[in-house]
C-alpha atoms as a PDB file:
ATOM      1  CA  MET A   1      -7.881 -28.978 -47.551  1.00  0.00           C
ATOM      2  CA  ARG A   2      -6.928 -32.917 -48.085  1.00  0.00           C
ATOM      3  CA  ARG A   3      -9.431 -33.077 -51.221  1.00  0.00           C
ATOM      4  CA  THR A   4      -8.120 -29.705 -52.635  1.00  0.00           C
ATOM      5  CA  PHE A   5      -4.697 -31.087 -52.538  1.00  0.00           C
ATOM      6  CA  GLN A   6      -5.415 -33.927 -54.506  1.00  0.00           C
ATOM      7  CA  LEU A   7      -7.254 -32.440 -56.943  1.00  0.00           C
ATOM      8  CA  HIS A   8      -4.467 -29.869 -57.490  1.00  0.00           C
ATOM      9  CA  ARG A   9      -2.209 -33.045 -57.215  1.00  0.00           C
ATOM     10  CA  ALA A  10      -4.214 -34.978 -60.275  1.00  0.00           C
ATOM     11  CA  LEU A  11      -4.461 -32.084 -62.847  1.00  0.00           C
ATOM     12  CA  THR A  12      -0.734 -31.358 -62.418  1.00  0.00           C
ATOM     13  CA  ILE A  13      -0.317 -34.941 -64.155  1.00  0.00           C
ATOM     14  CA  LEU A  14      -0.679 -33.316 -67.753  1.00  0.00           C
ATOM     15  CA  SER A  15       2.471 -31.437 -66.684  1.00  0.00           C
ATOM     16  CA  CYS A  16       3.905 -34.519 -66.364  1.00  0.00           C
ATOM     17  CA  VAL A  17       3.662 -35.981 -70.202  1.00  0.00           C
ATOM     18  CA  PRO A  18       6.148 -36.066 -72.193  1.00  0.00           C
ATOM     19  CA  ARG A  19       4.923 -33.913 -74.864  1.00  0.00           C
ATOM     20  CA  ARG A  20       5.980 -36.025 -77.582  1.00  0.00           C
ATOM     21  CA  PHE A  21       4.159 -38.786 -76.055  1.00  0.00           C
ATOM     22  CA  PHE A  22       0.971 -36.387 -75.644  1.00  0.00           C
ATOM     23  CA  PHE A  23       0.215 -36.676 -79.060  1.00  0.00           C
ATOM     24  CA  SER A  24       0.192 -40.589 -78.817  1.00  0.00           C
ATOM     25  CA  ILE A  25      -2.313 -40.089 -76.251  1.00  0.00           C
ATOM     26  CA  PHE A  26      -4.120 -37.920 -78.349  1.00  0.00           C
ATOM     27  CA  TRP A  27      -4.379 -40.695 -81.567  1.00  0.00           C
ATOM     28  CA  VAL A  28      -5.149 -43.301 -79.046  1.00  0.00           C
ATOM     29  CA  SER A  29      -7.934 -41.631 -77.645  1.00  0.00           C
ATOM     30  CA  ALA A  30      -9.217 -41.012 -81.281  1.00  0.00           C
ATOM     31  CA  VAL A  31      -8.706 -44.706 -81.923  1.00  0.00           C
ATOM     32  CA  ILE A  32     -10.231 -46.437 -79.083  1.00  0.00           C
ATOM     33  CA  PRO A  33     -11.400 -44.248 -76.172  1.00  0.00           C
ATOM     34  CA  THR A  34     -11.106 -46.599 -73.401  1.00  0.00           C
ATOM     35  CA  ALA A  35      -7.168 -47.071 -73.657  1.00  0.00           C
ATOM     36  CA  ILE A  36      -6.907 -43.803 -72.979  1.00  0.00           C
ATOM     37  CA  PHE A  37      -7.457 -44.662 -69.712  1.00  0.00           C
ATOM     38  CA  ALA A  38      -6.239 -47.931 -70.047  1.00  0.00           C
ATOM     39  CA  HIS A  39      -2.819 -47.014 -70.599  1.00  0.00           C
ATOM     40  CA  PRO A  40      -0.406 -45.524 -69.305  1.00  0.00           C
ATOM     41  CA  HIS A  41      -1.155 -45.154 -65.881  1.00  0.00           C
ATOM     42  CA  VAL A  42       2.344 -44.094 -64.525  1.00  0.00           C
ATOM     43  CA  PHE A  43       5.168 -41.800 -66.399  1.00  0.00           C
ATOM     44  CA  ILE A  44       8.755 -41.848 -65.225  1.00  0.00           C
ATOM     45  CA  GLU A  45      11.463 -39.814 -66.215  1.00  0.00           C
ATOM     46  CA  THR A  46      14.718 -42.241 -66.118  1.00  0.00           C
ATOM     47  CA  SER A  47      18.275 -41.601 -65.948  1.00  0.00           C
ATOM     48  CA  ILE A  48      20.633 -44.078 -66.718  1.00  0.00           C
ATOM     49  CA  ARG A  49      24.452 -44.351 -65.892  1.00  0.00           C
ATOM     50  CA  LEU A  50      26.314 -47.188 -66.636  1.00  0.00           C
ATOM     51  CA  VAL A  51      29.139 -48.433 -64.216  1.00  0.00           C
ATOM     52  CA  LEU A  52      32.733 -49.182 -65.703  1.00  0.00           C
ATOM     53  CA  ASP A  53      35.683 -50.338 -64.193  1.00  0.00           C
ATOM     54  CA  ASP A  54      39.270 -49.397 -64.772  1.00  0.00           C
ATOM     55  CA  ALA A  55      39.439 -51.732 -68.124  1.00  0.00           C
ATOM     56  CA  THR A  56      36.282 -49.508 -69.377  1.00  0.00           C
ATOM     57  CA  GLU A  57      33.923 -52.630 -69.118  1.00  0.00           C
ATOM     58  CA  VAL A  58      31.014 -52.723 -67.819  1.00  0.00           C
ATOM     59  CA  VAL A  59      30.405 -53.986 -65.030  1.00  0.00           C
ATOM     60  CA  GLY A  60      26.405 -52.569 -64.056  1.00  0.00           C
ATOM     61  CA  VAL A  61      23.818 -50.321 -64.104  1.00  0.00           C
ATOM     62  CA  GLU A  62      22.426 -47.401 -62.097  1.00  0.00           C
ATOM     63  CA  VAL A  63      19.343 -46.588 -62.303  1.00  0.00           C
ATOM     64  CA  SER A  64      16.833 -43.360 -61.334  1.00  0.00           C
ATOM     65  CA  TRP A  65      13.308 -43.011 -61.658  1.00  0.00           C
ATOM     66  CA  SER A  66      11.649 -39.821 -61.155  1.00  0.00           C
ATOM     67  CA  TYR A  67       8.463 -39.967 -60.828  1.00  0.00           C
ATOM     68  CA  ASP A  68       5.298 -38.495 -61.813  1.00  0.00           C
ATOM     69  CA  GLU A  69       3.463 -36.053 -59.691  1.00  0.00           C
ATOM     70  CA  PHE A  70       0.284 -38.208 -59.401  1.00  0.00           C
ATOM     71  CA  TYR A  71       1.989 -41.377 -58.302  1.00  0.00           C
ATOM     72  CA  SER A  72       4.349 -39.935 -56.150  1.00  0.00           C
ATOM     73  CA  MET A  73       1.234 -38.584 -53.686  1.00  0.00           C
ATOM     74  CA  LEU A  74      -0.581 -41.584 -54.754  1.00  0.00           C
ATOM     75  CA  THR A  75       2.508 -43.417 -52.783  1.00  0.00           C
ATOM     76  CA  PHE A  76       2.200 -40.815 -50.493  1.00  0.00           C
ATOM     77  CA  GLU A  77      -1.237 -41.718 -49.433  1.00  0.00           C
ATOM     78  CA  ASP A  78      -0.985 -45.496 -49.216  1.00  0.00           C
ATOM     79  CA  MET A  79       1.985 -45.210 -47.568  1.00  0.00           C
ATOM     80  CA  GLY A  80       0.496 -42.820 -44.757  1.00  0.00           C
ATOM     81  CA  LEU A  81       2.884 -40.142 -45.180  1.00  0.00           C
ATOM     82  CA  ASP A  82       3.326 -36.533 -46.143  1.00  0.00           C
ATOM     83  CA  ARG A  83       0.555 -35.903 -43.670  1.00  0.00           C
ATOM     84  CA  ASP A  84       0.326 -32.406 -43.947  1.00  0.00           C
ATOM     85  CA  TYR A  85       0.745 -32.662 -47.729  1.00  0.00           C
ATOM     86  CA  ASP A  86       3.599 -30.012 -48.530  1.00  0.00           C
ATOM     87  CA  GLY A  87       5.446 -32.765 -51.069  1.00  0.00           C
ATOM     88  CA  GLN A  88       8.429 -33.267 -48.537  1.00  0.00           C
ATOM     89  CA  LEU A  89       9.167 -35.963 -46.329  1.00  0.00           C
ATOM     90  CA  THR A  90      11.071 -35.815 -42.874  1.00  0.00           C
ATOM     91  CA  LEU A  91      13.655 -38.152 -43.029  1.00  0.00           C
ATOM     92  CA  GLU A  92      12.104 -40.941 -40.802  1.00  0.00           C
ATOM     93  CA  GLU A  93       9.235 -40.683 -43.711  1.00  0.00           C
ATOM     94  CA  LEU A  94      12.090 -41.355 -46.273  1.00  0.00           C
ATOM     95  CA  LYS A  95      13.604 -44.454 -44.575  1.00  0.00           C
ATOM     96  CA  ARG A  96      10.227 -45.374 -44.685  1.00  0.00           C
ATOM     97  CA  LEU A  97       9.875 -45.021 -48.298  1.00  0.00           C
ATOM     98  CA  ASP A  98      13.566 -45.444 -49.165  1.00  0.00           C
ATOM     99  CA  GLY A  99      13.330 -48.970 -51.071  1.00  0.00           C
ATOM    100  CA  PHE A 100       9.458 -49.077 -51.864  1.00  0.00           C
ATOM    101  CA  ASP A 101      10.334 -49.567 -55.619  1.00  0.00           C
ATOM    102  CA  LEU A 102      12.645 -53.123 -55.354  1.00  0.00           C
ATOM    103  CA  ARG A 103      10.059 -55.319 -54.252  1.00  0.00           C
ATOM    104  CA  TRP A 104       9.636 -56.970 -57.440  1.00  0.00           C
ATOM    105  CA  VAL A 105       7.468 -59.532 -58.311  1.00  0.00           C
ATOM    106  CA  GLU A 106       8.096 -62.969 -59.944  1.00  0.00           C
ATOM    107  CA  GLY A 107       8.641 -61.870 -63.833  1.00  0.00           C
ATOM    108  CA  PHE A 108       9.425 -58.381 -63.293  1.00  0.00           C
ATOM    109  CA  SER A 109      12.402 -57.374 -65.574  1.00  0.00           C
ATOM    110  CA  GLY A 110      13.016 -54.195 -64.216  1.00  0.00           C
ATOM    111  CA  ASP A 111      11.797 -52.651 -67.640  1.00  0.00           C
ATOM    112  CA  VAL A 112      15.823 -51.948 -69.090  1.00  0.00           C
ATOM    113  CA  PHE A 113      17.178 -53.931 -71.517  1.00  0.00           C
ATOM    114  CA  LEU A 114      20.659 -54.033 -71.937  1.00  0.00           C
ATOM    115  CA  GLN A 115      21.814 -55.741 -75.403  1.00  0.00           C
ATOM    116  CA  ARG A 116      24.111 -57.260 -77.095  1.00  0.00           C
ATOM    117  CA  GLY A 117      23.308 -58.083 -81.169  1.00  0.00           C
ATOM    118  CA  ALA A 118      19.527 -59.641 -80.537  1.00  0.00           C
ATOM    119  CA  GLU A 119      20.485 -61.165 -77.075  1.00  0.00           C
ATOM    120  CA  ASN A 120      19.023 -59.396 -73.358  1.00  0.00           C
ATOM    121  CA  LEU A 121      21.899 -59.123 -70.994  1.00  0.00           C
ATOM    122  CA  ALA A 122      21.287 -60.649 -67.968  1.00  0.00           C
ATOM    123  CA  LEU A 123      20.734 -57.931 -65.074  1.00  0.00           C
ATOM    124  CA  GLY A 124      21.202 -59.035 -61.275  1.00  0.00           C
ATOM    125  CA  THR A 125      19.385 -58.257 -58.300  1.00  0.00           C
ATOM    126  CA  PRO A 126      18.406 -54.356 -57.723  1.00  0.00           C
ATOM    127  CA  GLU A 127      20.587 -53.045 -54.995  1.00  0.00           C
ATOM    128  CA  GLY A 128      18.645 -49.832 -53.677  1.00  0.00           C
ATOM    129  CA  ARG A 129      20.820 -46.177 -53.902  1.00  0.00           C
ATOM    130  CA  GLY A 130      18.585 -44.119 -52.081  1.00  0.00           C
ATOM    131  CA  VAL A 131      15.725 -41.980 -52.648  1.00  0.00           C
ATOM    132  CA  VAL A 132      14.862 -38.805 -52.264  1.00  0.00           C
ATOM    133  CA  VAL A 133      11.832 -35.819 -53.003  1.00  0.00           C
ATOM    134  CA  GLN A 134      12.272 -32.917 -55.313  1.00  0.00           C
ATOM    135  CA  GLY A 135       9.411 -30.724 -56.190  1.00  0.00           C
ATOM    136  CA  ALA A 136       6.790 -33.087 -55.121  1.00  0.00           C
ATOM    137  CA  ARG A 137       8.497 -35.929 -56.858  1.00  0.00           C
ATOM    138  CA  ILE A 138       9.956 -39.293 -55.553  1.00  0.00           C
ATOM    139  CA  ILE A 139      13.263 -40.560 -57.798  1.00  0.00           C
ATOM    140  CA  SER A 140      14.604 -43.231 -56.472  1.00  0.00           C
ATOM    141  CA  THR A 141      17.827 -45.112 -57.321  1.00  0.00           C
ATOM    142  CA  HIS A 142      19.251 -48.392 -57.368  1.00  0.00           C
ATOM    143  CA  TYR A 143      21.879 -50.720 -58.923  1.00  0.00           C
ATOM    144  CA  ARG A 144      21.653 -53.994 -61.298  1.00  0.00           C
ATOM    145  CA  PRO A 145      25.155 -55.996 -62.006  1.00  0.00           C
ATOM    146  CA  LEU A 146      26.112 -57.658 -64.513  1.00  0.00           C
ATOM    147  CA  ASN A 147      27.375 -61.502 -64.011  1.00  0.00           C
ATOM    148  CA  GLU A 148      30.911 -60.624 -65.718  1.00  0.00           C
ATOM    149  CA  PRO A 149      32.311 -57.085 -66.890  1.00  0.00           C
ATOM    150  CA  ILE A 150      31.714 -56.784 -70.669  1.00  0.00           C
ATOM    151  CA  SER A 151      32.920 -54.615 -73.172  1.00  0.00           C
ATOM    152  CA  GLY A 152      30.160 -51.365 -73.682  1.00  0.00           C
ATOM    153  CA  ASP A 153      31.418 -50.662 -77.651  1.00  0.00           C
ATOM    154  CA  GLY A 154      28.585 -51.942 -79.756  1.00  0.00           C
ATOM    155  CA  LEU A 155      25.988 -52.319 -76.475  1.00  0.00           C
ATOM    156  CA  ARG A 156      22.086 -51.307 -76.996  1.00  0.00           C
ATOM    157  CA  LEU A 157      19.900 -49.934 -73.772  1.00  0.00           C
ATOM    158  CA  LYS A 158      15.811 -49.372 -74.013  1.00  0.00           C
ATOM    159  CA  VAL A 159      13.710 -48.676 -70.975  1.00  0.00           C
ATOM    160  CA  TYR A 160      10.499 -49.438 -71.706  1.00  0.00           C
ATOM    161  CA  ASP A 161       7.351 -51.978 -69.600  1.00  0.00           C
ATOM    162  CA  PRO A 162       6.250 -54.955 -72.251  1.00  0.00           C
ATOM    163  CA  THR A 163       2.246 -54.029 -70.883  1.00  0.00           C
ATOM    164  CA  TYR A 164       3.090 -49.768 -71.747  1.00  0.00           C
ATOM    165  CA  TYR A 165       1.002 -49.742 -68.174  1.00  0.00           C
ATOM    166  CA  THR A 166       4.109 -47.283 -67.528  1.00  0.00           C
ATOM    167  CA  TYR A 167       6.061 -44.973 -69.905  1.00  0.00           C
ATOM    168  CA  TYR A 168       9.485 -44.206 -69.475  1.00  0.00           C
ATOM    169  CA  GLU A 169      10.683 -40.512 -70.777  1.00  0.00           C
ATOM    170  CA  LEU A 170      14.680 -41.082 -70.979  1.00  0.00           C
ATOM    171  CA  ASN A 171      15.268 -38.730 -73.429  1.00  0.00           C
ATOM    172  CA  HIS A 172      19.431 -37.744 -73.580  1.00  0.00           C
ATOM    173  CA  ASN A 173      20.008 -39.155 -69.143  1.00  0.00           C
ATOM    174  CA  ILE A 174      22.376 -41.214 -70.280  1.00  0.00           C
ATOM    175  CA  ASP A 175      25.847 -41.393 -68.319  1.00  0.00           C
ATOM    176  CA  ALA A 176      28.248 -44.015 -70.297  1.00  0.00           C
ATOM    177  CA  GLY A 177      31.620 -42.588 -68.596  1.00  0.00           C
ATOM    178  CA  ASN A 178      34.353 -40.598 -70.423  1.00  0.00           C
ATOM    179  CA  HIS A 179      35.330 -43.227 -72.600  1.00  0.00           C
ATOM    180  CA  CYS A 180      31.918 -44.316 -75.003  1.00  0.00           C
ATOM    181  CA  ASN A 181      29.455 -42.165 -76.712  1.00  0.00           C
ATOM    182  CA  VAL A 182      25.794 -42.174 -76.569  1.00  0.00           C
ATOM    183  CA  ASP A 183      23.570 -41.931 -79.937  1.00  0.00           C
ATOM    184  CA  ILE A 184      19.389 -42.223 -79.029  1.00  0.00           C
ATOM    185  CA  VAL A 185      17.576 -43.232 -81.933  1.00  0.00           C
ATOM    186  CA  VAL A 186      14.078 -42.544 -81.272  1.00  0.00           C
ATOM    187  CA  ALA A 187      11.250 -44.498 -82.027  1.00  0.00           C
ATOM    188  CA  ASP A 188       9.292 -44.110 -84.706  1.00  0.00           C
ATOM    189  CA  LEU A 189       5.965 -42.762 -83.527  1.00  0.00           C
ATOM    190  CA  LYS A 190       3.886 -43.326 -86.682  1.00  0.00           C
ATOM    191  CA  ALA A 191       5.139 -46.440 -87.497  1.00  0.00           C
ATOM    192  CA  ALA A 192       4.582 -47.706 -83.281  1.00  0.00           C
ATOM    193  CA  GLN A 193       1.045 -45.764 -84.219  1.00  0.00           C
ATOM    194  CA  SER A 194      -0.044 -48.293 -86.841  1.00  0.00           C
ATOM    195  CA  VAL A 195       1.230 -51.102 -85.067  1.00  0.00           C
ATOM    196  CA  LEU A 196      -0.697 -50.435 -82.040  1.00  0.00           C
ATOM    197  CA  LYS A 197      -3.837 -49.626 -84.844  1.00  0.00           C
ATOM    198  CA  GLU A 198      -3.013 -52.894 -86.003  1.00  0.00           C
ATOM    199  CA  ARG A 199      -3.070 -55.071 -82.493  1.00  0.00           C
ATOM    200  CA  LEU A 200      -5.814 -53.243 -80.915  1.00  0.00           C
ATOM    201  CA  SER A 201      -7.938 -54.156 -84.002  1.00  0.00           C
ATOM    202  CA  VAL A 202      -8.403 -57.554 -83.214  1.00  0.00           C
ATOM    203  CA  ILE A 203      -9.250 -57.166 -79.558  1.00  0.00           C
ATOM    204  CA  PRO A 204     -12.944 -56.535 -78.662  1.00  0.00           C
ATOM    205  CA  ILE A 205     -13.415 -52.950 -77.152  1.00  0.00           C
ATOM    206  CA  THR A 206     -15.029 -54.622 -73.980  1.00  0.00           C
ATOM    207  CA  ALA A 207     -11.601 -56.653 -73.678  1.00  0.00           C
ATOM    208  CA  VAL A 208      -8.799 -54.261 -73.794  1.00  0.00           C
ATOM    209  CA  GLU A 209      -8.396 -53.654 -69.851  1.00  0.00           C
ATOM    210  CA  THR A 210      -7.607 -57.638 -69.714  1.00  0.00           C
ATOM    211  CA  GLU A 211      -5.785 -58.079 -73.457  1.00  0.00           C
ATOM    212  CA  PHE A 212      -4.146 -54.811 -74.234  1.00  0.00           C
ATOM    213  CA  PRO A 213      -0.788 -55.828 -76.271  1.00  0.00           C
ATOM    214  CA  GLU A 214       2.277 -55.733 -74.717  1.00  0.00           C
ATOM    215  CA  ILE A 215       2.994 -52.818 -76.810  1.00  0.00           C
ATOM    216  CA  GLY A 216       5.943 -50.845 -74.946  1.00  0.00           C
ATOM    217  CA  GLU A 217       8.761 -51.743 -76.601  1.00  0.00           C
ATOM    218  CA  VAL A 218       7.375 -49.706 -80.156  1.00  0.00           C
ATOM    219  CA  PHE A 219       7.106 -46.648 -78.533  1.00  0.00           C
ATOM    220  CA  ALA A 220      10.929 -46.991 -76.775  1.00  0.00           C
ATOM    221  CA  ASP A 221      13.329 -45.306 -77.879  1.00  0.00           C
ATOM    222  CA  THR A 222      17.009 -46.821 -78.448  1.00  0.00           C
ATOM    223  CA  ALA A 223      20.727 -45.822 -77.213  1.00  0.00           C
ATOM    224  CA  LEU A 224      23.236 -47.520 -78.779  1.00  0.00           C
ATOM    225  CA  ILE A 225      26.937 -47.406 -77.201  1.00  0.00           C
ATOM    226  CA  GLN A 226      29.886 -47.050 -78.938  1.00  0.00           C
ATOM    227  CA  CYS A 227      32.994 -46.935 -76.529  1.00  0.00           C
ATOM    228  CA  SER A 228      37.431 -46.783 -76.849  1.00  0.00           C
ATOM    229  CA  SER A 229      39.751 -48.915 -75.084  1.00  0.00           C
END
């Protein structure tokens, strides 16, 4: 039964892959077959909420990560959760799971980039806001404060893994409050694929796993934020 369950979950990863990303998977596999097995490994639907103060200035960012079913299953296995394989956790299991993805290694930025101009604004240490399991998918939420309140007008936001190990699907899941509007500039996949092809061309095929280029940003959408006073 366990193997049957794992096979079912493994197959469902295909249904979790965003449609627009599927074409880039096909393209990469045609260019260099080993790359498809190297990047990305994890697919996360991401929601962002800009936290504003009474003066409508941004004081922090709340981030929700909805992991694909395959990665969620692997996490259950690794942590010894969901022993009955029904995709649901008990309250005690949820307590054990809470914060599982907030033990960040040194150098990890959180993959959320809030920018003014060319500058990445510093986001503080993540503060857990809970975890739930829905449809056999782990959804975790955390909050990251800014060092000081800033105007939201003119900010840009991107969510990406520079190493392209993880793919973040942002769509229009950004809550900027009643005083701000958000426009999404969709990544130019054709241009991104050209950059990827160029960078892969100088890497020996035997070194793809260890020297895969930091290509995540060129595949990331950009959120442009405009706020009224």
